[in-house]
Amino acid sequence: MTTQLYKSTERGKANFGWLNANFSFSFGNYFNPDKVQFGMLRVLNDDTIAAGMGFGTHPHENMEIITIPLEGGLKHRDSMGNEGVIGFGEVQVMSAGTGIMHSEMNASEKDRAKTLQLWVFPEKEDVEPRYDQKSFDLASKINTFVNVVSPRDKNDGNALWVHQQTFFNLGIFENGTTVNYKVNIAKNGVYLFLIEGEIEVDNQILNERDALGITNFEDFDIVVKQQAKILLVEVPMTHA
């Protein structure tokens, strides 16, 4: 097993007043040649959005976009006619495909919103754009990973799906728990992002917002040192 630790303090940063962002990978004006992507995972932005503010209408194409609210909610609108609010406990997916226009605004006029937005390269380009969102009750499934996103051809109907052989898993784990993760597809890697808490993987300690890139493995153990919320993203390391 090969691992690479990414400390939260080493992420790129941008503060526009209405938006305070931390970039795990090169994004916007932040460029680090050693942090362009992890396999097919291209973006992981940790955003805090001021009340009443957000991302105005803008385009995307040929990217699978996953948004996870951590606090508050976002008001979504897109060129396919979808409109609504995505809140804490929900996950949103968009397949940009041939092209989509959308906006994501803080749904509250008085409270901030915190979100994670991730971009994954698709396994097939120029697909028909699509949008979906779903609620997941992590609190009722303590100490286990909940699959929230999976490949279309491996989806069991309980998770959202995207056009890539990727698996997104979220979980809340109590102090003292040890959880084992087995890779779904041989040669896939895992980007483990610790949302909160403290854990140990492969004799390395991760604290809040630290990440660990993991490759060349069949399974690995996560030892929880302090109650933790974990995002685990399994992705192909190369294009198919």
C-alpha atoms as a PDB file:
ATOM      1  CA  MET A   1       0.000   0.000   0.000  1.00  0.00           C
ATOM      2  CA  THR A   2       1.260   3.456  -0.936  1.00  0.00           C
ATOM      3  CA  THR A   3       0.039   6.549   0.918  1.00  0.00           C
ATOM      4  CA  GLN A   4       0.517  10.304   0.627  1.00  0.00           C
ATOM      5  CA  LEU A   5      -0.556  12.643   3.425  1.00  0.00           C
ATOM      6  CA  TYR A   6      -2.010  16.041   2.504  1.00  0.00           C
ATOM      7  CA  LYS A   7      -2.241  18.453   5.458  1.00  0.00           C
ATOM      8  CA  SER A   8      -5.164  20.867   5.584  1.00  0.00           C
ATOM      9  CA  THR A   9      -2.787  23.785   6.097  1.00  0.00           C
ATOM     10  CA  GLU A  10      -1.085  23.048   2.772  1.00  0.00           C
ATOM     11  CA  ARG A  11      -4.223  23.575   0.670  1.00  0.00           C
ATOM     12  CA  GLY A  12      -4.640  26.493  -1.707  1.00  0.00           C
ATOM     13  CA  LYS A  13      -6.732  29.364  -0.401  1.00  0.00           C
ATOM     14  CA  ALA A  14      -8.894  32.187  -1.706  1.00  0.00           C
ATOM     15  CA  ASN A  15     -10.958  34.737   0.205  1.00  0.00           C
ATOM     16  CA  PHE A  16     -13.292  37.011  -1.737  1.00  0.00           C
ATOM     17  CA  GLY A  17     -15.233  38.218   1.289  1.00  0.00           C
ATOM     18  CA  TRP A  18     -18.429  36.423   0.292  1.00  0.00           C
ATOM     19  CA  LEU A  19     -16.455  33.202  -0.352  1.00  0.00           C
ATOM     20  CA  ASN A  20     -13.724  31.641   1.758  1.00  0.00           C
ATOM     21  CA  ALA A  21     -12.354  28.647  -0.160  1.00  0.00           C
ATOM     22  CA  ASN A  22      -9.757  25.944   0.427  1.00  0.00           C
ATOM     23  CA  PHE A  23      -8.539  24.008  -2.612  1.00  0.00           C
ATOM     24  CA  SER A  24      -7.189  20.462  -2.330  1.00  0.00           C
ATOM     25  CA  PHE A  25      -6.134  20.661  -5.988  1.00  0.00           C
ATOM     26  CA  SER A  26      -5.094  23.426  -8.378  1.00  0.00           C
ATOM     27  CA  PHE A  27      -8.077  25.695  -9.021  1.00  0.00           C
ATOM     28  CA  GLY A  28      -8.626  29.259 -10.212  1.00  0.00           C
ATOM     29  CA  ASN A  29      -5.575  31.362  -9.407  1.00  0.00           C
ATOM     30  CA  TYR A  30      -4.071  28.592  -7.258  1.00  0.00           C
ATOM     31  CA  PHE A  31      -1.690  26.279  -9.100  1.00  0.00           C
ATOM     32  CA  ASN A  32       0.542  23.603  -7.630  1.00  0.00           C
ATOM     33  CA  PRO A  33       2.075  21.182 -10.167  1.00  0.00           C
ATOM     34  CA  ASP A  34       2.099  18.476  -7.479  1.00  0.00           C
ATOM     35  CA  LYS A  35      -1.611  18.944  -6.759  1.00  0.00           C
ATOM     36  CA  VAL A  36      -3.431  18.972 -10.087  1.00  0.00           C
ATOM     37  CA  GLN A  37      -5.550  15.868  -9.537  1.00  0.00           C
ATOM     38  CA  PHE A  38      -5.703  12.488  -7.811  1.00  0.00           C
ATOM     39  CA  GLY A  39      -6.421  10.027 -10.577  1.00  0.00           C
ATOM     40  CA  MET A  40      -9.772  11.024 -12.053  1.00  0.00           C
ATOM     41  CA  LEU A  41     -10.570  13.296  -9.078  1.00  0.00           C
ATOM     42  CA  ARG A  42      -9.856  16.812 -10.334  1.00  0.00           C
ATOM     43  CA  VAL A  43     -11.385  19.178  -7.743  1.00  0.00           C
ATOM     44  CA  LEU A  44     -12.161  19.146  -4.033  1.00  0.00           C
ATOM     45  CA  ASN A  45     -13.136  22.620  -2.868  1.00  0.00           C
ATOM     46  CA  ASP A  46     -14.028  23.307   0.757  1.00  0.00           C
ATOM     47  CA  ASP A  47     -16.191  26.451   0.579  1.00  0.00           C
ATOM     48  CA  THR A  48     -17.743  28.793   3.132  1.00  0.00           C
ATOM     49  CA  ILE A  49     -20.346  31.038   1.471  1.00  0.00           C
ATOM     50  CA  ALA A  50     -21.714  34.207   3.077  1.00  0.00           C
ATOM     51  CA  ALA A  51     -25.455  34.654   3.636  1.00  0.00           C
ATOM     52  CA  GLY A  52     -27.355  35.555   0.481  1.00  0.00           C
ATOM     53  CA  MET A  53     -24.298  35.083  -1.723  1.00  0.00           C
ATOM     54  CA  GLY A  54     -23.079  32.320  -4.013  1.00  0.00           C
ATOM     55  CA  PHE A  55     -22.024  31.260  -7.461  1.00  0.00           C
ATOM     56  CA  GLY A  56     -23.995  33.004 -10.217  1.00  0.00           C
ATOM     57  CA  THR A  57     -24.933  31.302 -13.470  1.00  0.00           C
ATOM     58  CA  HIS A  58     -21.883  29.735 -15.115  1.00  0.00           C
ATOM     59  CA  PRO A  59     -21.164  26.875 -17.547  1.00  0.00           C
ATOM     60  CA  HIS A  60     -19.641  23.392 -17.252  1.00  0.00           C
ATOM     61  CA  GLU A  61     -19.078  20.594 -19.714  1.00  0.00           C
ATOM     62  CA  ASN A  62     -17.722  17.033 -19.580  1.00  0.00           C
ATOM     63  CA  MET A  63     -17.375  16.804 -15.813  1.00  0.00           C
ATOM     64  CA  GLU A  64     -19.157  14.886 -13.055  1.00  0.00           C
ATOM     65  CA  ILE A  65     -19.851  17.397 -10.261  1.00  0.00           C
ATOM     66  CA  ILE A  66     -20.740  16.304  -6.727  1.00  0.00           C
ATOM     67  CA  THR A  67     -21.771  18.772  -4.008  1.00  0.00           C
ATOM     68  CA  ILE A  68     -22.057  17.913  -0.307  1.00  0.00           C
ATOM     69  CA  PRO A  69     -23.500  20.575   2.057  1.00  0.00           C
ATOM     70  CA  LEU A  70     -21.847  20.529   5.490  1.00  0.00           C
ATOM     71  CA  GLU A  71     -23.808  23.432   6.989  1.00  0.00           C
ATOM     72  CA  GLY A  72     -26.837  25.318   5.721  1.00  0.00           C
ATOM     73  CA  GLY A  73     -28.088  24.864   2.174  1.00  0.00           C
ATOM     74  CA  LEU A  74     -27.718  25.927  -1.440  1.00  0.00           C
ATOM     75  CA  LYS A  75     -30.400  27.140  -3.838  1.00  0.00           C
ATOM     76  CA  HIS A  76     -29.849  25.402  -7.179  1.00  0.00           C
ATOM     77  CA  ARG A  77     -31.033  26.481 -10.629  1.00  0.00           C
ATOM     78  CA  ASP A  78     -29.902  25.122 -14.000  1.00  0.00           C
ATOM     79  CA  SER A  79     -30.494  25.295 -17.748  1.00  0.00           C
ATOM     80  CA  MET A  80     -32.425  21.997 -17.693  1.00  0.00           C
ATOM     81  CA  GLY A  81     -35.178  23.594 -15.632  1.00  0.00           C
ATOM     82  CA  ASN A  82     -34.193  22.124 -12.267  1.00  0.00           C
ATOM     83  CA  GLU A  83     -34.700  24.429  -9.317  1.00  0.00           C
ATOM     84  CA  GLY A  84     -34.646  23.748  -5.598  1.00  0.00           C
ATOM     85  CA  VAL A  85     -32.653  23.670  -2.378  1.00  0.00           C
ATOM     86  CA  ILE A  86     -30.028  21.133  -1.375  1.00  0.00           C
ATOM     87  CA  GLY A  87     -29.401  21.012   2.362  1.00  0.00           C
ATOM     88  CA  PHE A  88     -27.392  19.323   5.081  1.00  0.00           C
ATOM     89  CA  GLY A  89     -27.693  15.541   4.808  1.00  0.00           C
ATOM     90  CA  GLU A  90     -28.168  15.641   1.050  1.00  0.00           C
ATOM     91  CA  VAL A  91     -25.808  15.048  -1.867  1.00  0.00           C
ATOM     92  CA  GLN A  92     -26.147  16.593  -5.329  1.00  0.00           C
ATOM     93  CA  VAL A  93     -24.766  15.244  -8.616  1.00  0.00           C
ATOM     94  CA  MET A  94     -24.576  16.853 -12.041  1.00  0.00           C
ATOM     95  CA  SER A  95     -23.290  15.289 -15.232  1.00  0.00           C
ATOM     96  CA  ALA A  96     -22.287  18.336 -17.271  1.00  0.00           C
ATOM     97  CA  GLY A  97     -21.794  16.328 -20.472  1.00  0.00           C
ATOM     98  CA  THR A  98     -22.424  18.368 -23.617  1.00  0.00           C
ATOM     99  CA  GLY A  99     -22.918  21.488 -21.507  1.00  0.00           C
ATOM    100  CA  ILE A 100     -24.937  22.893 -18.635  1.00  0.00           C
ATOM    101  CA  MET A 101     -25.481  26.319 -17.070  1.00  0.00           C
ATOM    102  CA  HIS A 102     -26.217  26.507 -13.350  1.00  0.00           C
ATOM    103  CA  SER A 103     -26.099  28.691 -10.245  1.00  0.00           C
ATOM    104  CA  GLU A 104     -25.604  27.711  -6.602  1.00  0.00           C
ATOM    105  CA  MET A 105     -26.574  30.384  -4.050  1.00  0.00           C
ATOM    106  CA  ASN A 106     -26.668  30.296  -0.269  1.00  0.00           C
ATOM    107  CA  ALA A 107     -30.315  29.541   0.508  1.00  0.00           C
ATOM    108  CA  SER A 108     -30.197  31.659   3.676  1.00  0.00           C
ATOM    109  CA  GLU A 109     -30.181  35.458   3.875  1.00  0.00           C
ATOM    110  CA  LYS A 110     -28.752  35.422   7.421  1.00  0.00           C
ATOM    111  CA  ASP A 111     -26.578  32.316   7.901  1.00  0.00           C
ATOM    112  CA  ARG A 112     -23.438  31.101   6.146  1.00  0.00           C
ATOM    113  CA  ALA A 113     -23.297  27.850   4.203  1.00  0.00           C
ATOM    114  CA  LYS A 114     -20.444  25.343   4.069  1.00  0.00           C
ATOM    115  CA  THR A 115     -20.056  22.875   1.230  1.00  0.00           C
ATOM    116  CA  LEU A 116     -17.669  20.445  -0.379  1.00  0.00           C
ATOM    117  CA  GLN A 117     -17.678  20.439  -4.174  1.00  0.00           C
ATOM    118  CA  LEU A 118     -15.849  17.730  -6.088  1.00  0.00           C
ATOM    119  CA  TRP A 119     -15.253  17.262  -9.810  1.00  0.00           C
ATOM    120  CA  VAL A 120     -14.511  13.886 -11.380  1.00  0.00           C
ATOM    121  CA  PHE A 121     -13.514  13.382 -15.006  1.00  0.00           C
ATOM    122  CA  PRO A 122     -16.172  11.268 -16.817  1.00  0.00           C
ATOM    123  CA  GLU A 123     -15.398   7.920 -18.432  1.00  0.00           C
ATOM    124  CA  LYS A 124     -17.375   9.046 -21.491  1.00  0.00           C
ATOM    125  CA  GLU A 125     -17.585  12.577 -22.868  1.00  0.00           C
ATOM    126  CA  ASP A 126     -20.504  14.476 -24.416  1.00  0.00           C
ATOM    127  CA  VAL A 127     -23.246  12.617 -22.554  1.00  0.00           C
ATOM    128  CA  GLU A 128     -26.676  14.156 -22.060  1.00  0.00           C
ATOM    129  CA  PRO A 129     -26.565  16.557 -19.088  1.00  0.00           C
ATOM    130  CA  ARG A 130     -28.411  15.386 -15.982  1.00  0.00           C
ATOM    131  CA  TYR A 131     -29.084  16.418 -12.392  1.00  0.00           C
ATOM    132  CA  ASP A 132     -30.092  14.569  -9.243  1.00  0.00           C
ATOM    133  CA  GLN A 133     -30.022  14.931  -5.480  1.00  0.00           C
ATOM    134  CA  LYS A 134     -30.753  12.613  -2.583  1.00  0.00           C
ATOM    135  CA  SER A 135     -30.911  12.605   1.209  1.00  0.00           C
ATOM    136  CA  PHE A 136     -28.775  10.204   3.254  1.00  0.00           C
ATOM    137  CA  ASP A 137     -29.284   9.521   6.975  1.00  0.00           C
ATOM    138  CA  LEU A 138     -25.739   8.968   8.237  1.00  0.00           C
ATOM    139  CA  ALA A 139     -26.757   9.340  11.890  1.00  0.00           C
ATOM    140  CA  SER A 140     -28.789   6.117  11.766  1.00  0.00           C
ATOM    141  CA  LYS A 141     -25.820   4.182  10.375  1.00  0.00           C
ATOM    142  CA  ILE A 142     -23.052   5.085  12.803  1.00  0.00           C
ATOM    143  CA  ASN A 143     -19.690   3.306  12.386  1.00  0.00           C
ATOM    144  CA  THR A 144     -20.259   2.255   8.792  1.00  0.00           C
ATOM    145  CA  PHE A 145     -19.688   3.867   5.416  1.00  0.00           C
ATOM    146  CA  VAL A 146     -22.773   4.850   3.428  1.00  0.00           C
ATOM    147  CA  ASN A 147     -22.314   4.710  -0.344  1.00  0.00           C
ATOM    148  CA  VAL A 148     -23.720   7.985  -1.707  1.00  0.00           C
ATOM    149  CA  VAL A 149     -22.359   7.934  -5.286  1.00  0.00           C
ATOM    150  CA  SER A 150     -21.488   4.970  -7.495  1.00  0.00           C
ATOM    151  CA  PRO A 151     -20.976   4.122 -11.190  1.00  0.00           C
ATOM    152  CA  ARG A 152     -24.128   3.852 -13.268  1.00  0.00           C
ATOM    153  CA  ASP A 153     -23.446   0.199 -14.143  1.00  0.00           C
ATOM    154  CA  LYS A 154     -22.895  -0.741 -10.482  1.00  0.00           C
ATOM    155  CA  ASN A 155     -25.642   1.302  -8.845  1.00  0.00           C
ATOM    156  CA  ASP A 156     -28.044  -0.563  -6.551  1.00  0.00           C
ATOM    157  CA  GLY A 157     -30.641   2.195  -6.509  1.00  0.00           C
ATOM    158  CA  ASN A 158     -29.711   3.413  -3.037  1.00  0.00           C
ATOM    159  CA  ALA A 159     -26.972   5.804  -4.170  1.00  0.00           C
ATOM    160  CA  LEU A 160     -26.728   8.531  -6.782  1.00  0.00           C
ATOM    161  CA  TRP A 161     -24.848   7.589  -9.957  1.00  0.00           C
ATOM    162  CA  VAL A 162     -22.303   9.218 -12.249  1.00  0.00           C
ATOM    163  CA  HIS A 163     -20.526   8.466 -15.517  1.00  0.00           C
ATOM    164  CA  GLN A 164     -17.323   7.153 -13.923  1.00  0.00           C
ATOM    165  CA  GLN A 165     -16.112   4.090 -12.020  1.00  0.00           C
ATOM    166  CA  THR A 166     -16.026   6.047  -8.765  1.00  0.00           C
ATOM    167  CA  PHE A 167     -17.537   5.393  -5.353  1.00  0.00           C
ATOM    168  CA  PHE A 168     -18.218   8.186  -2.837  1.00  0.00           C
ATOM    169  CA  ASN A 169     -18.729   7.062   0.751  1.00  0.00           C
ATOM    170  CA  LEU A 170     -19.639   9.098   3.838  1.00  0.00           C
ATOM    171  CA  GLY A 171     -19.603   7.936   7.427  1.00  0.00           C
ATOM    172  CA  ILE A 172     -19.734   9.024  11.062  1.00  0.00           C
ATOM    173  CA  PHE A 173     -17.537   6.963  13.378  1.00  0.00           C
ATOM    174  CA  GLU A 174     -17.279   6.860  17.163  1.00  0.00           C
ATOM    175  CA  ASN A 175     -14.040   7.131  19.097  1.00  0.00           C
ATOM    176  CA  GLY A 176     -12.270   3.761  19.345  1.00  0.00           C
ATOM    177  CA  THR A 177     -13.854   2.313  16.208  1.00  0.00           C
ATOM    178  CA  THR A 178     -11.789   0.470  13.605  1.00  0.00           C
ATOM    179  CA  VAL A 179     -13.326   0.238  10.137  1.00  0.00           C
ATOM    180  CA  ASN A 180     -11.972  -1.725   7.173  1.00  0.00           C
ATOM    181  CA  TYR A 181     -12.389  -0.531   3.588  1.00  0.00           C
ATOM    182  CA  LYS A 182     -12.069  -2.929   0.648  1.00  0.00           C
ATOM    183  CA  VAL A 183     -11.487  -1.546  -2.833  1.00  0.00           C
ATOM    184  CA  ASN A 184     -14.412  -2.061  -5.226  1.00  0.00           C
ATOM    185  CA  ILE A 185     -12.346  -2.095  -8.415  1.00  0.00           C
ATOM    186  CA  ALA A 186      -8.750  -3.321  -8.551  1.00  0.00           C
ATOM    187  CA  LYS A 187      -6.239  -0.552  -9.374  1.00  0.00           C
ATOM    188  CA  ASN A 188      -8.589   2.175  -8.158  1.00  0.00           C
ATOM    189  CA  GLY A 189      -7.148   4.566  -5.594  1.00  0.00           C
ATOM    190  CA  VAL A 190      -8.785   6.230  -2.605  1.00  0.00           C
ATOM    191  CA  TYR A 191      -8.703   9.885  -1.610  1.00  0.00           C
ATOM    192  CA  LEU A 192      -9.726   9.974   2.051  1.00  0.00           C
ATOM    193  CA  PHE A 193     -10.826  13.423   3.258  1.00  0.00           C
ATOM    194  CA  LEU A 194     -11.366  13.836   6.993  1.00  0.00           C
ATOM    195  CA  ILE A 195     -14.237  16.280   7.453  1.00  0.00           C
ATOM    196  CA  GLU A 196     -13.891  16.312  11.232  1.00  0.00           C
ATOM    197  CA  GLY A 197     -12.276  14.335  14.046  1.00  0.00           C
ATOM    198  CA  GLU A 198      -8.994  12.438  14.266  1.00  0.00           C
ATOM    199  CA  ILE A 199      -8.076   9.111  12.673  1.00  0.00           C
ATOM    200  CA  GLU A 200      -5.058   6.916  11.998  1.00  0.00           C
ATOM    201  CA  VAL A 201      -4.392   5.122   8.709  1.00  0.00           C
ATOM    202  CA  ASP A 202      -1.174   3.254   7.919  1.00  0.00           C
ATOM    203  CA  ASN A 203       0.502   4.709  11.044  1.00  0.00           C
ATOM    204  CA  GLN A 204      -0.322   8.257   9.930  1.00  0.00           C
ATOM    205  CA  ILE A 205      -2.477  10.618  11.984  1.00  0.00           C
ATOM    206  CA  LEU A 206      -5.075  12.756  10.204  1.00  0.00           C
ATOM    207  CA  ASN A 207      -6.824  15.716  11.811  1.00  0.00           C
ATOM    208  CA  GLU A 208      -9.775  17.806  10.605  1.00  0.00           C
ATOM    209  CA  ARG A 209      -9.618  18.546   6.849  1.00  0.00           C
ATOM    210  CA  ASP A 210      -6.434  16.501   6.332  1.00  0.00           C
ATOM    211  CA  ALA A 211      -6.469  14.023   3.444  1.00  0.00           C
ATOM    212  CA  LEU A 212      -4.689  10.811   2.521  1.00  0.00           C
ATOM    213  CA  GLY A 213      -4.138   9.475  -0.980  1.00  0.00           C
ATOM    214  CA  ILE A 214      -4.036   5.670  -0.987  1.00  0.00           C
ATOM    215  CA  THR A 215      -2.992   3.440  -3.895  1.00  0.00           C
ATOM    216  CA  ASN A 216      -1.781  -0.118  -4.497  1.00  0.00           C
ATOM    217  CA  PHE A 217      -4.048  -1.792  -1.964  1.00  0.00           C
ATOM    218  CA  GLU A 218      -6.849  -4.321  -1.607  1.00  0.00           C
ATOM    219  CA  ASP A 219      -8.091  -3.068   1.757  1.00  0.00           C
ATOM    220  CA  PHE A 220      -6.990  -0.925   4.690  1.00  0.00           C
ATOM    221  CA  ASP A 221      -8.034  -0.101   8.256  1.00  0.00           C
ATOM    222  CA  ILE A 222      -9.093   3.263   9.652  1.00  0.00           C
ATOM    223  CA  VAL A 223      -8.615   3.666  13.422  1.00  0.00           C
ATOM    224  CA  VAL A 224     -10.776   6.409  14.919  1.00  0.00           C
ATOM    225  CA  LYS A 225      -8.992   8.414  17.633  1.00  0.00           C
ATOM    226  CA  GLN A 226     -11.702  11.063  18.041  1.00  0.00           C
ATOM    227  CA  GLN A 227     -15.275  10.918  16.710  1.00  0.00           C
ATOM    228  CA  ALA A 228     -14.930  11.431  12.989  1.00  0.00           C
ATOM    229  CA  LYS A 229     -16.862  12.253   9.851  1.00  0.00           C
ATOM    230  CA  ILE A 230     -15.113  10.886   6.777  1.00  0.00           C
ATOM    231  CA  LEU A 231     -15.504  11.319   3.022  1.00  0.00           C
ATOM    232  CA  LEU A 232     -13.866   8.460   1.146  1.00  0.00           C
ATOM    233  CA  VAL A 233     -13.611   8.783  -2.640  1.00  0.00           C
ATOM    234  CA  GLU A 234     -12.547   5.721  -4.638  1.00  0.00           C
ATOM    235  CA  VAL A 235     -11.532   6.647  -8.190  1.00  0.00           C
ATOM    236  CA  PRO A 236      -9.701   5.195 -11.195  1.00  0.00           C
ATOM    237  CA  MET A 237      -6.115   6.420 -11.256  1.00  0.00           C
ATOM    238  CA  THR A 238      -6.009   6.543 -15.071  1.00  0.00           C
ATOM    239  CA  HIS A 239      -8.453   6.975 -17.932  1.00  0.00           C
ATOM    240  CA  ALA A 240     -10.025   3.692 -19.016  1.00  0.00           C
END
